């Protein structure tokens, strides 16, 4: 589903990743918990996610302070640690200012 975002400006955090061979239930449970937790954070606007070999999740945020708070959230920090240690072979995070959007 395409996220329903407000008129710009707002921010997008693009998380691109390649998974390791380790595909355990804990990964899937943690991923779902991160979605639930992100949705409760001040400044969260929505997200979009797809995986077809390469995984890409884009989360949308009202401001940079909200992004910083999400990055520093205790449960999110633990998920990040697990991702680095066992779930991701590679990843890249990009933070972008959305200045214009359009669609139908």
C-alpha atoms as a PDB file:
ATOM      1  CA  UNK A   1       0.000   0.000   0.000  1.00  0.00           C
ATOM      2  CA  UNK A   2       1.199   3.522  -0.760  1.00  0.00           C
ATOM      3  CA  UNK A   3       1.500   5.648   2.384  1.00  0.00           C
ATOM      4  CA  UNK A   4      -0.856   8.597   2.655  1.00  0.00           C
ATOM      5  CA  UNK A   5       1.525  11.444   3.415  1.00  0.00           C
ATOM      6  CA  UNK A   6       0.701  15.107   4.039  1.00  0.00           C
ATOM      7  CA  UNK A   7       1.690  17.916   1.693  1.00  0.00           C
ATOM      8  CA  UNK A   8       5.477  18.448   1.721  1.00  0.00           C
ATOM      9  CA  UNK A   9       7.828  19.217   3.227  1.00  0.00           C
ATOM     10  CA  UNK A  10       8.360  16.083   5.309  1.00  0.00           C
ATOM     11  CA  UNK A  11      11.150  13.523   5.608  1.00  0.00           C
ATOM     12  CA  UNK A  12      11.722  10.029   4.240  1.00  0.00           C
ATOM     13  CA  UNK A  13      14.063   7.459   5.766  1.00  0.00           C
ATOM     14  CA  UNK A  14      15.028   4.862   3.161  1.00  0.00           C
ATOM     15  CA  UNK A  15      16.348   1.603   4.599  1.00  0.00           C
ATOM     16  CA  UNK A  16      17.763  -0.709   1.907  1.00  0.00           C
ATOM     17  CA  UNK A  17      19.063  -4.111   2.937  1.00  0.00           C
ATOM     18  CA  UNK A  18      20.224  -7.548   1.897  1.00  0.00           C
ATOM     19  CA  UNK A  19      19.342 -10.355   4.280  1.00  0.00           C
ATOM     20  CA  UNK A  20      21.685 -13.075   5.489  1.00  0.00           C
ATOM     21  CA  UNK A  21      20.719 -16.733   5.153  1.00  0.00           C
ATOM     22  CA  UNK A  22      19.467 -16.694   8.748  1.00  0.00           C
ATOM     23  CA  UNK A  23      15.683 -16.535   8.434  1.00  0.00           C
ATOM     24  CA  UNK A  24      14.331 -17.158  11.880  1.00  0.00           C
ATOM     25  CA  UNK A  25      10.963 -16.437  13.438  1.00  0.00           C
ATOM     26  CA  UNK A  26      12.562 -13.806  15.684  1.00  0.00           C
ATOM     27  CA  UNK A  27      13.379 -11.664  12.632  1.00  0.00           C
ATOM     28  CA  UNK A  28       9.783 -11.671  11.434  1.00  0.00           C
ATOM     29  CA  UNK A  29       8.421 -10.963  14.915  1.00  0.00           C
ATOM     30  CA  UNK A  30      10.917  -8.136  15.418  1.00  0.00           C
ATOM     31  CA  UNK A  31      10.130  -6.616  12.018  1.00  0.00           C
ATOM     32  CA  UNK A  32       6.409  -6.612  12.839  1.00  0.00           C
ATOM     33  CA  UNK A  33       7.079  -5.131  16.282  1.00  0.00           C
ATOM     34  CA  UNK A  34       9.167  -2.333  14.717  1.00  0.00           C
ATOM     35  CA  UNK A  35       6.244  -1.423  12.434  1.00  0.00           C
ATOM     36  CA  UNK A  36       3.836  -1.368  15.391  1.00  0.00           C
ATOM     37  CA  UNK A  37       6.269   0.651  17.494  1.00  0.00           C
ATOM     38  CA  UNK A  38       7.106   3.146  14.718  1.00  0.00           C
ATOM     39  CA  UNK A  39       3.393   3.787  14.181  1.00  0.00           C
ATOM     40  CA  UNK A  40       3.167   4.952  17.817  1.00  0.00           C
ATOM     41  CA  UNK A  41       6.045   7.444  17.566  1.00  0.00           C
ATOM     42  CA  UNK A  42       5.403  11.201  17.470  1.00  0.00           C
ATOM     43  CA  UNK A  43       6.029  12.517  13.971  1.00  0.00           C
ATOM     44  CA  UNK A  44       5.495   9.166  12.194  1.00  0.00           C
ATOM     45  CA  UNK A  45       3.530   9.637   8.957  1.00  0.00           C
ATOM     46  CA  UNK A  46       3.524   6.155   7.365  1.00  0.00           C
ATOM     47  CA  UNK A  47       5.716   3.647   5.573  1.00  0.00           C
ATOM     48  CA  UNK A  48       6.082   1.475   2.493  1.00  0.00           C
ATOM     49  CA  UNK A  49       8.043  -1.762   2.308  1.00  0.00           C
ATOM     50  CA  UNK A  50       8.968  -4.371  -0.298  1.00  0.00           C
ATOM     51  CA  UNK A  51      11.296  -7.351  -0.466  1.00  0.00           C
ATOM     52  CA  UNK A  52      12.359  -9.129  -3.634  1.00  0.00           C
ATOM     53  CA  UNK A  53      15.917 -10.129  -2.826  1.00  0.00           C
ATOM     54  CA  UNK A  54      16.714  -6.523  -1.968  1.00  0.00           C
ATOM     55  CA  UNK A  55      14.569  -5.166   0.866  1.00  0.00           C
ATOM     56  CA  UNK A  56      13.516  -1.523   0.884  1.00  0.00           C
ATOM     57  CA  UNK A  57      11.491   0.161   3.604  1.00  0.00           C
ATOM     58  CA  UNK A  58      10.689   3.855   3.415  1.00  0.00           C
ATOM     59  CA  UNK A  59       9.299   5.491   6.510  1.00  0.00           C
ATOM     60  CA  UNK A  60       7.933   9.025   6.459  1.00  0.00           C
ATOM     61  CA  UNK A  61       8.384  11.509   9.278  1.00  0.00           C
ATOM     62  CA  UNK A  62       7.240  15.003  10.147  1.00  0.00           C
ATOM     63  CA  UNK A  63      10.668  16.272  11.215  1.00  0.00           C
ATOM     64  CA  UNK A  64      14.285  15.350  11.944  1.00  0.00           C
ATOM     65  CA  UNK A  65      13.776  15.294  15.717  1.00  0.00           C
ATOM     66  CA  UNK A  66      11.195  12.529  15.300  1.00  0.00           C
ATOM     67  CA  UNK A  67      13.656  10.532  13.195  1.00  0.00           C
ATOM     68  CA  UNK A  68      16.392  10.965  15.803  1.00  0.00           C
ATOM     69  CA  UNK A  69      14.035   9.881  18.595  1.00  0.00           C
ATOM     70  CA  UNK A  70      13.010   6.767  16.624  1.00  0.00           C
ATOM     71  CA  UNK A  71      16.640   5.857  15.908  1.00  0.00           C
ATOM     72  CA  UNK A  72      17.415   6.135  19.645  1.00  0.00           C
ATOM     73  CA  UNK A  73      14.331   4.217  20.900  1.00  0.00           C
ATOM     74  CA  UNK A  74      15.489   1.345  23.164  1.00  0.00           C
ATOM     75  CA  UNK A  75      13.648  -1.463  21.344  1.00  0.00           C
ATOM     76  CA  UNK A  76      14.697  -0.080  17.975  1.00  0.00           C
ATOM     77  CA  UNK A  77      18.326   0.051  19.128  1.00  0.00           C
ATOM     78  CA  UNK A  78      18.106  -3.639  20.058  1.00  0.00           C
ATOM     79  CA  UNK A  79      16.615  -4.495  16.652  1.00  0.00           C
ATOM     80  CA  UNK A  80      19.400  -2.523  14.947  1.00  0.00           C
ATOM     81  CA  UNK A  81      22.006  -4.486  16.905  1.00  0.00           C
ATOM     82  CA  UNK A  82      20.425  -7.815  15.932  1.00  0.00           C
ATOM     83  CA  UNK A  83      20.263  -6.675  12.320  1.00  0.00           C
ATOM     84  CA  UNK A  84      23.976  -5.860  12.241  1.00  0.00           C
ATOM     85  CA  UNK A  85      24.944  -9.074  14.053  1.00  0.00           C
ATOM     86  CA  UNK A  86      22.800 -11.668  12.288  1.00  0.00           C
ATOM     87  CA  UNK A  87      19.993 -10.585   9.933  1.00  0.00           C
ATOM     88  CA  UNK A  88      21.624  -8.285   7.361  1.00  0.00           C
ATOM     89  CA  UNK A  89      24.567  -8.988   5.079  1.00  0.00           C
ATOM     90  CA  UNK A  90      24.497  -5.318   4.050  1.00  0.00           C
ATOM     91  CA  UNK A  91      22.335  -2.264   4.599  1.00  0.00           C
ATOM     92  CA  UNK A  92      22.193   1.450   3.860  1.00  0.00           C
ATOM     93  CA  UNK A  93      20.039   4.129   5.491  1.00  0.00           C
ATOM     94  CA  UNK A  94      19.315   7.430   3.781  1.00  0.00           C
ATOM     95  CA  UNK A  95      17.447  10.404   5.245  1.00  0.00           C
ATOM     96  CA  UNK A  96      15.823  12.675   2.676  1.00  0.00           C
ATOM     97  CA  UNK A  97      13.764  15.842   2.673  1.00  0.00           C
ATOM     98  CA  UNK A  98      10.672  15.413   0.506  1.00  0.00           C
ATOM     99  CA  UNK A  99      10.064  18.748  -1.178  1.00  0.00           C
ATOM    100  CA  UNK A 100       7.470  17.658  -3.708  1.00  0.00           C
ATOM    101  CA  UNK A 101       5.168  14.681  -4.225  1.00  0.00           C
ATOM    102  CA  UNK A 102       2.406  13.929  -6.681  1.00  0.00           C
ATOM    103  CA  UNK A 103       0.484  10.963  -7.973  1.00  0.00           C
ATOM    104  CA  UNK A 104      -2.958   9.631  -8.712  1.00  0.00           C
END
